[in-house]
Amino acid sequence: MMTMTKLNLKCERAPTYMYFRKGRWVYYPHIKGEIRKEITLKQNKKLLREDTPCSTLWLLYDELVNAPSDTLSWLIKKYFKSKQFLELAQSTQDGYHVYAETIENTKLKNGKLFGQVRFAAITPGAVTKYLDSRKLKIAGNREIQFLRSVFSWGFARDICKSNPCKGVKLNPEKARTRLVEHWEYDLVYKTAIEMKSIFAPAMEIAFLCRARRGEVFNLTRSDMKEDGLLISRTKGSIAEITLWNDRLKQAVELARSHNKNTLSQYLIHRKDGRAYTKNALDSAWQRVIKKALDGDNELTEKFRFHDLKAMGVSFHKSHHSGHKSEKAKAVYLRQTDRVEPTGE
């Protein structure tokens, strides 16, 4: 059970479910029938430390407990507790939380935050204005796609009367064409091996199985079948078993060698047995790429981990990707076709 750390605190009688942990104040409520989630308390985007007065904590407590139930923030929080959200891959959930924080904390011309607006008052025009205001155009697209999912969930349950994101035109996006060459892959893989990074086996599995990062890091030991490795694909793609060959077997063994003394359901996992978070994976990958770029080799352009799926699809004998449609498959096929000329 959590207890308040005994330090030189200005507030020794904090509100219920407020605790001082790891150098900052948090709110950790116990609500029957709901999943508990620790909320780090902030004021003006700054963490509340040990010198925070009681009056500030009680003010925030009142806002948390008596929060209105008709705002966009309330709707998003309701969605985050839904079965639909909780069944998403962990990497997707982490991304949605980032989008939500950006959307809710966007300041409007009237001084209010977007999260404080009544969701029933949000129109397609308001969503378009939000999108237009975003300097990061692609990130803005992802945020609106997330918001569309939130309103769609609410509309299906008679919480919302409409989905204001429907029909909003997203910013144009150029298809990514970066094709990782084998020599580039080998240089980064060698760097990951030297660093003893979890991304060494992850790179191999992503390339050989044409898998997304989330699919690789969600692999469990039960996915190791007699004839191959089961990839449970996300985003509507079709699950498949990639048959064993020596290279795939070696990649799996390398994955199992990391934290091998820790019991976990995951094939690649943290020292405590839990899955890696999105932020941890982002940071670890950037460390590998940075070292590869700084090394004494010919690598001059970074690439994303997600590009390894496209590399795997492009160099696969049948360009197999697990996608249901040719349109979706084309996103990952980045090698120009070589076609015989028309015969007589």
Protein backbone atom coordinates (compact mmCIF):
# COMPACT_ATOMS: atom_id res chain seq x y z
CA MET A 1 0.00 0.00 0.00
CA MET A 2 1.29 3.45 -0.91
CA THR A 3 2.20 5.85 1.87
CA MET A 4 3.22 9.49 1.81
CA THR A 5 6.99 9.93 1.92
CA LYS A 6 8.14 11.51 5.17
CA LEU A 7 10.10 14.53 3.98
CA ASN A 8 10.21 18.21 4.80
CA LEU A 9 6.87 18.87 3.09
CA LYS A 10 4.90 22.08 3.31
CA CYS A 11 1.68 20.05 3.24
CA GLU A 12 1.57 17.14 5.69
CA ARG A 13 -2.23 16.68 5.51
CA ALA A 14 -2.79 16.14 1.83
CA PRO A 15 -6.21 15.37 0.31
CA THR A 16 -7.33 11.75 0.00
CA TYR A 17 -5.44 9.74 -2.63
CA MET A 18 -2.75 12.40 -3.03
CA TYR A 19 0.78 11.15 -2.34
CA PHE A 20 4.33 12.44 -2.55
CA ARG A 21 6.29 9.88 -4.55
CA LYS A 22 9.62 9.96 -6.39
CA GLY A 23 10.08 13.67 -5.81
CA ARG A 24 6.63 14.86 -6.95
CA TRP A 25 2.96 14.89 -5.92
CA VAL A 26 0.60 12.40 -7.57
CA TYR A 27 -3.09 11.58 -7.44
CA TYR A 28 -3.79 7.84 -7.22
CA PRO A 29 -7.51 7.24 -6.55
CA HIS A 30 -9.10 3.93 -5.64
CA ILE A 31 -12.39 3.76 -7.55
CA LYS A 32 -14.33 0.51 -7.37
CA GLY A 33 -14.66 -1.25 -10.71
CA GLU A 34 -12.22 1.06 -12.53
CA ILE A 35 -8.57 0.66 -13.46
CA ARG A 36 -6.37 2.87 -11.32
CA LYS A 37 -4.02 5.25 -13.09
CA GLU A 38 -1.52 7.49 -11.35
CA ILE A 39 -1.90 11.16 -12.30
CA THR A 40 1.20 13.33 -11.92
CA LEU A 41 0.06 16.69 -10.56
CA LYS A 42 1.16 19.84 -12.38
CA GLN A 43 0.52 23.56 -12.22
CA ASN A 44 1.38 25.71 -15.23
CA LYS A 45 2.94 22.58 -16.77
CA LYS A 46 5.40 22.28 -13.84
CA LEU A 47 5.56 19.29 -11.49
CA LEU A 48 4.45 19.89 -7.92
CA ARG A 49 7.42 19.30 -5.63
CA GLU A 50 7.84 19.09 -1.83
CA ASP A 51 7.46 22.86 -1.39
CA THR A 52 3.88 22.81 -2.73
CA PRO A 53 1.46 24.35 -0.18
CA CYS A 54 -1.65 22.50 0.96
CA SER A 55 -3.93 25.11 -0.57
CA THR A 56 -2.65 24.26 -4.08
CA LEU A 57 -3.17 20.54 -3.54
CA TRP A 58 -6.72 21.03 -2.23
CA LEU A 59 -7.55 23.29 -5.19
CA LEU A 60 -6.38 20.63 -7.65
CA TYR A 61 -8.21 17.95 -5.70
CA ASP A 62 -11.45 19.90 -6.00
CA GLU A 63 -10.93 20.23 -9.75
CA LEU A 64 -10.29 16.49 -10.11
CA VAL A 65 -13.21 15.35 -7.98
CA ASN A 66 -15.74 17.89 -9.22
CA ALA A 67 -14.70 17.93 -12.87
CA PRO A 68 -17.61 18.60 -15.26
CA SER A 69 -19.02 15.61 -17.13
CA ASP A 70 -19.70 17.32 -20.46
CA THR A 71 -16.24 18.46 -21.57
CA LEU A 72 -13.93 17.05 -24.21
CA SER A 73 -11.48 16.01 -21.48
CA TRP A 74 -14.23 14.07 -19.72
CA LEU A 75 -15.17 12.29 -22.96
CA ILE A 76 -11.54 11.34 -23.65
CA LYS A 77 -11.08 10.01 -20.10
CA LYS A 78 -14.29 8.00 -20.50
CA TYR A 79 -12.93 6.53 -23.74
CA PHE A 80 -9.62 5.65 -22.05
CA LYS A 81 -11.56 3.46 -19.58
CA SER A 82 -13.48 1.67 -22.33
CA LYS A 83 -13.00 -1.93 -23.41
CA GLN A 84 -12.40 -0.73 -26.97
CA PHE A 85 -9.38 1.32 -25.88
CA LEU A 86 -7.99 -1.26 -23.44
CA GLU A 87 -7.96 -3.92 -26.17
CA LEU A 88 -5.61 -1.83 -28.31
CA ALA A 89 -1.89 -2.63 -28.45
CA GLN A 90 0.12 -0.97 -25.67
CA SER A 91 2.10 1.10 -28.19
CA THR A 92 -1.18 2.45 -29.63
CA GLN A 93 -2.49 3.28 -26.15
CA ASP A 94 0.72 5.16 -25.34
CA GLY A 95 0.43 7.15 -28.57
CA TYR A 96 -3.21 8.03 -27.87
CA HIS A 97 -2.30 9.38 -24.43
CA VAL A 98 0.26 11.70 -26.06
CA TYR A 99 -2.32 12.91 -28.60
CA ALA A 100 -4.86 13.50 -25.83
CA GLU A 101 -2.46 15.59 -23.76
CA THR A 102 -1.66 17.80 -26.77
CA ILE A 103 -5.33 18.25 -27.71
CA GLU A 104 -6.59 18.93 -24.19
CA ASN A 105 -3.87 21.48 -23.39
CA THR A 106 -4.19 23.49 -26.60
CA LYS A 107 -5.10 27.09 -25.75
CA LEU A 108 -7.99 28.72 -27.57
CA LYS A 109 -8.40 32.42 -28.40
CA ASN A 110 -10.78 32.90 -25.45
CA GLY A 111 -8.10 31.65 -23.02
CA LYS A 112 -9.74 28.30 -22.40
CA LEU A 113 -8.10 24.96 -23.03
CA PHE A 114 -9.58 22.78 -25.77
CA GLY A 115 -10.18 20.04 -23.21
CA GLN A 116 -12.48 22.37 -21.23
CA VAL A 117 -14.86 22.89 -24.16
CA ARG A 118 -18.22 21.10 -24.04
CA PHE A 119 -17.89 18.23 -26.49
CA ALA A 120 -21.45 18.82 -27.73
CA ALA A 121 -20.40 22.33 -28.84
CA ILE A 122 -17.47 21.14 -30.96
CA THR A 123 -18.17 21.47 -34.69
CA PRO A 124 -16.32 20.33 -37.81
CA GLY A 125 -15.23 23.95 -38.17
CA ALA A 126 -13.66 23.94 -34.69
CA VAL A 127 -11.81 20.72 -35.49
CA THR A 128 -10.56 22.18 -38.78
CA LYS A 129 -9.34 25.32 -36.97
CA TYR A 130 -7.46 23.12 -34.51
CA LEU A 131 -5.86 21.22 -37.39
CA ASP A 132 -4.93 24.46 -39.18
CA SER A 133 -3.27 25.79 -36.01
CA ARG A 134 -0.89 22.83 -35.70
CA LYS A 135 2.61 23.56 -36.98
CA LEU A 136 3.38 19.83 -37.04
CA LYS A 137 0.97 18.89 -39.82
CA ILE A 138 1.38 15.11 -39.74
CA ALA A 139 1.13 15.03 -35.94
CA GLY A 140 -2.05 17.10 -36.29
CA ASN A 141 -3.49 14.45 -38.62
CA ARG A 142 -2.83 11.72 -36.07
CA GLU A 143 -4.45 13.77 -33.32
CA ILE A 144 -7.62 14.28 -35.38
CA GLN A 145 -7.71 10.58 -36.27
CA PHE A 146 -7.53 9.81 -32.55
CA LEU A 147 -10.26 12.36 -31.79
CA ARG A 148 -12.40 10.80 -34.53
CA SER A 149 -12.12 7.44 -32.74
CA VAL A 150 -13.13 9.04 -29.43
CA PHE A 151 -16.25 10.68 -30.89
CA SER A 152 -17.10 7.55 -32.89
CA TRP A 153 -17.00 5.51 -29.68
CA GLY A 154 -19.18 8.09 -27.89
CA PHE A 155 -21.65 8.34 -30.79
CA ALA A 156 -22.15 4.55 -30.85
CA ARG A 157 -23.10 4.69 -27.15
CA ASP A 158 -25.45 7.70 -27.36
CA ILE A 159 -23.01 9.87 -25.41
CA CYS A 160 -22.42 12.17 -28.40
CA LYS A 161 -25.04 13.28 -30.92
CA SER A 162 -22.53 13.54 -33.75
CA ASN A 163 -18.89 13.10 -34.72
CA PRO A 164 -17.48 16.56 -35.57
CA CYS A 165 -14.32 14.98 -37.02
CA LYS A 166 -16.28 13.27 -39.76
CA GLY A 167 -15.66 14.96 -43.10
CA VAL A 168 -12.74 17.07 -41.84
CA LYS A 169 -10.04 17.07 -44.51
CA LEU A 170 -6.65 16.09 -43.14
CA ASN A 171 -3.38 17.66 -44.18
CA PRO A 172 -1.86 16.10 -47.31
CA GLU A 173 0.86 13.53 -46.61
CA LYS A 174 3.60 12.34 -48.90
CA ALA A 175 4.03 8.59 -49.04
CA ARG A 176 7.27 7.54 -47.36
CA THR A 177 9.69 6.16 -49.93
CA ARG A 178 12.79 5.51 -47.80
CA LEU A 179 14.10 2.04 -48.62
CA VAL A 180 16.76 0.78 -46.22
CA GLU A 181 19.54 -0.94 -48.13
CA HIS A 182 21.17 -4.11 -46.81
CA TRP A 183 24.50 -2.39 -46.12
CA GLU A 184 22.75 0.29 -44.02
CA TYR A 185 20.86 -2.37 -42.12
CA ASP A 186 24.08 -4.30 -41.44
CA LEU A 187 25.83 -1.20 -40.05
CA VAL A 188 23.01 -0.36 -37.63
CA TYR A 189 22.57 -4.01 -36.65
CA LYS A 190 26.30 -4.28 -35.89
CA THR A 191 26.02 -1.14 -33.73
CA ALA A 192 23.05 -2.61 -31.85
CA ILE A 193 25.03 -5.81 -31.22
CA GLU A 194 28.02 -3.84 -29.90
CA MET A 195 25.70 -1.88 -27.59
CA LYS A 196 24.00 -5.12 -26.47
CA SER A 197 20.76 -3.38 -27.35
CA ILE A 198 17.36 -5.09 -27.38
CA PHE A 199 17.03 -3.67 -30.88
CA ALA A 200 19.51 -6.19 -32.30
CA PRO A 201 17.05 -9.11 -32.15
CA ALA A 202 14.11 -6.74 -32.71
CA MET A 203 15.60 -5.54 -36.02
CA GLU A 204 16.03 -9.10 -37.25
CA ILE A 205 12.49 -10.14 -36.32
CA ALA A 206 11.00 -6.97 -37.86
CA PHE A 207 12.86 -7.53 -41.15
CA LEU A 208 12.42 -11.30 -41.41
CA CYS A 209 8.74 -11.27 -40.36
CA ARG A 210 7.90 -7.90 -41.96
CA ALA A 211 6.54 -6.72 -38.63
CA ARG A 212 5.80 -3.40 -36.96
CA ARG A 213 7.65 -2.43 -33.79
CA GLY A 214 4.58 -3.00 -31.63
CA GLU A 215 4.10 -6.46 -33.11
CA VAL A 216 7.72 -7.37 -32.35
CA PHE A 217 7.67 -6.17 -28.75
CA ASN A 218 4.26 -7.73 -28.08
CA LEU A 219 5.55 -11.20 -29.01
CA THR A 220 5.19 -13.75 -26.23
CA ARG A 221 6.91 -17.07 -25.66
CA SER A 222 3.70 -18.83 -26.67
CA ASP A 223 4.05 -17.28 -30.14
CA MET A 224 7.04 -19.56 -30.78
CA LYS A 225 5.31 -22.39 -32.61
CA GLU A 226 6.72 -25.69 -33.84
CA ASP A 227 6.89 -24.53 -37.45
CA GLY A 228 7.59 -20.82 -36.98
CA LEU A 229 6.94 -17.53 -35.22
CA LEU A 230 3.33 -16.36 -34.94
CA ILE A 231 2.92 -12.65 -35.76
CA SER A 232 -0.41 -11.30 -34.49
CA ARG A 233 -0.65 -8.30 -36.76
CA THR A 234 -2.32 -5.06 -35.74
CA LYS A 235 -4.35 -2.44 -37.68
CA GLY A 236 -6.57 -5.00 -39.36
CA SER A 237 -3.77 -7.00 -41.00
CA ILE A 238 -3.87 -10.78 -41.16
CA ALA A 239 -2.00 -12.87 -38.57
CA GLU A 240 0.55 -15.31 -39.96
CA ILE A 241 3.31 -17.71 -39.01
CA THR A 242 6.74 -16.94 -40.43
CA LEU A 243 8.46 -20.28 -40.92
CA TRP A 244 11.69 -20.97 -39.08
CA ASN A 245 15.06 -20.62 -40.78
CA ASP A 246 18.48 -20.42 -39.16
CA ARG A 247 18.51 -16.61 -39.13
CA LEU A 248 15.09 -16.31 -37.47
CA LYS A 249 16.01 -18.96 -34.89
CA GLN A 250 19.20 -17.06 -34.04
CA ALA A 251 17.23 -13.80 -33.68
CA VAL A 252 14.80 -15.40 -31.24
CA GLU A 253 17.64 -16.94 -29.23
CA LEU A 254 19.34 -13.55 -29.07
CA ALA A 255 16.07 -12.02 -27.84
CA ARG A 256 15.76 -14.69 -25.15
CA SER A 257 19.32 -14.04 -23.98
CA HIS A 258 18.37 -10.53 -22.80
CA ASN A 259 17.18 -10.62 -19.17
CA LYS A 260 17.09 -14.42 -19.42
CA ASN A 261 16.95 -14.84 -15.64
CA THR A 262 13.67 -12.91 -15.41
CA LEU A 263 10.33 -14.68 -15.76
CA SER A 264 8.09 -12.97 -18.30
CA GLN A 265 5.46 -13.80 -20.88
CA TYR A 266 7.17 -11.48 -23.38
CA LEU A 267 9.94 -12.56 -25.72
CA ILE A 268 11.71 -9.18 -25.32
CA HIS A 269 11.08 -7.51 -21.99
CA ARG A 270 12.40 -5.26 -19.24
CA LYS A 271 14.41 -6.52 -16.27
CA ASP A 272 11.22 -6.60 -14.18
CA GLY A 273 9.48 -8.77 -16.79
CA ARG A 274 7.12 -6.08 -18.02
CA ALA A 275 6.77 -4.83 -21.59
CA TYR A 276 8.81 -1.83 -22.73
CA THR A 277 6.97 1.50 -22.89
CA LYS A 278 6.80 3.57 -26.08
CA ASN A 279 9.06 6.28 -24.64
CA ALA A 280 11.68 3.75 -23.57
CA LEU A 281 11.71 2.18 -27.04
CA ASP A 282 11.86 5.57 -28.77
CA SER A 283 14.89 6.57 -26.66
CA ALA A 284 16.68 3.24 -27.07
CA TRP A 285 16.28 3.29 -30.86
CA GLN A 286 17.55 6.87 -31.13
CA ARG A 287 20.65 5.90 -29.10
CA VAL A 288 21.42 3.10 -31.56
CA ILE A 289 20.87 5.29 -34.63
CA LYS A 290 22.92 8.18 -33.19
CA LYS A 291 25.86 5.91 -32.44
CA ALA A 292 25.65 4.38 -35.92
CA LEU A 293 25.68 7.84 -37.51
CA ASP A 294 28.56 9.02 -35.31
CA GLY A 295 30.63 5.93 -36.03
CA ASP A 296 33.45 5.63 -38.54
CA ASN A 297 31.32 4.22 -41.37
CA GLU A 298 29.37 5.32 -44.45
CA LEU A 299 25.94 5.68 -42.83
CA THR A 300 24.83 9.28 -43.40
CA GLU A 301 21.03 9.11 -43.23
CA LYS A 302 18.97 7.83 -40.32
CA PHE A 303 15.97 5.60 -40.78
CA ARG A 304 12.98 4.68 -38.64
CA PHE A 305 12.50 1.28 -37.09
CA HIS A 306 9.18 1.10 -38.94
CA ASP A 307 11.13 1.28 -42.22
CA LEU A 308 12.35 -2.25 -41.51
CA LYS A 309 8.89 -3.63 -42.24
CA ALA A 310 8.94 -1.89 -45.63
CA MET A 311 12.43 -3.27 -46.20
CA GLY A 312 11.21 -6.77 -45.36
CA VAL A 313 8.22 -6.48 -47.70
CA SER A 314 10.27 -4.95 -50.52
CA PHE A 315 12.96 -7.65 -50.47
CA HIS A 316 10.58 -10.57 -49.82
CA LYS A 317 10.28 -13.02 -52.70
CA SER A 318 6.50 -12.54 -52.99
CA HIS A 319 6.34 -9.11 -51.29
CA HIS A 320 4.15 -10.68 -48.60
CA SER A 321 3.04 -8.13 -45.99
CA GLY A 322 -0.01 -9.56 -44.23
CA HIS A 323 -2.25 -6.77 -45.54
CA LYS A 324 -5.78 -7.47 -46.70
CA SER A 325 -5.66 -5.03 -49.62
CA GLU A 326 -3.18 -4.23 -52.35
CA LYS A 327 -3.50 -0.54 -51.46
CA ALA A 328 -2.28 -1.16 -47.91
CA LYS A 329 0.48 -3.43 -49.19
CA ALA A 330 1.67 -0.71 -51.60
CA VAL A 331 2.53 1.56 -48.64
CA TYR A 332 5.32 -0.85 -47.68
CA LEU A 333 6.47 -1.92 -51.14
CA ARG A 334 9.29 0.56 -51.82
CA GLN A 335 11.35 -1.29 -54.38
CA THR A 336 10.64 -0.42 -57.99
CA ASP A 337 9.29 -3.39 -59.94
CA ARG A 338 11.52 -4.88 -62.63
CA VAL A 339 9.24 -6.07 -65.44
CA GLU A 340 10.04 -7.99 -68.60
CA PRO A 341 9.17 -6.16 -71.85
CA THR A 342 6.01 -7.05 -73.70
CA GLY A 343 6.55 -9.96 -76.02
CA GLU A 344 5.59 -10.07 -79.66
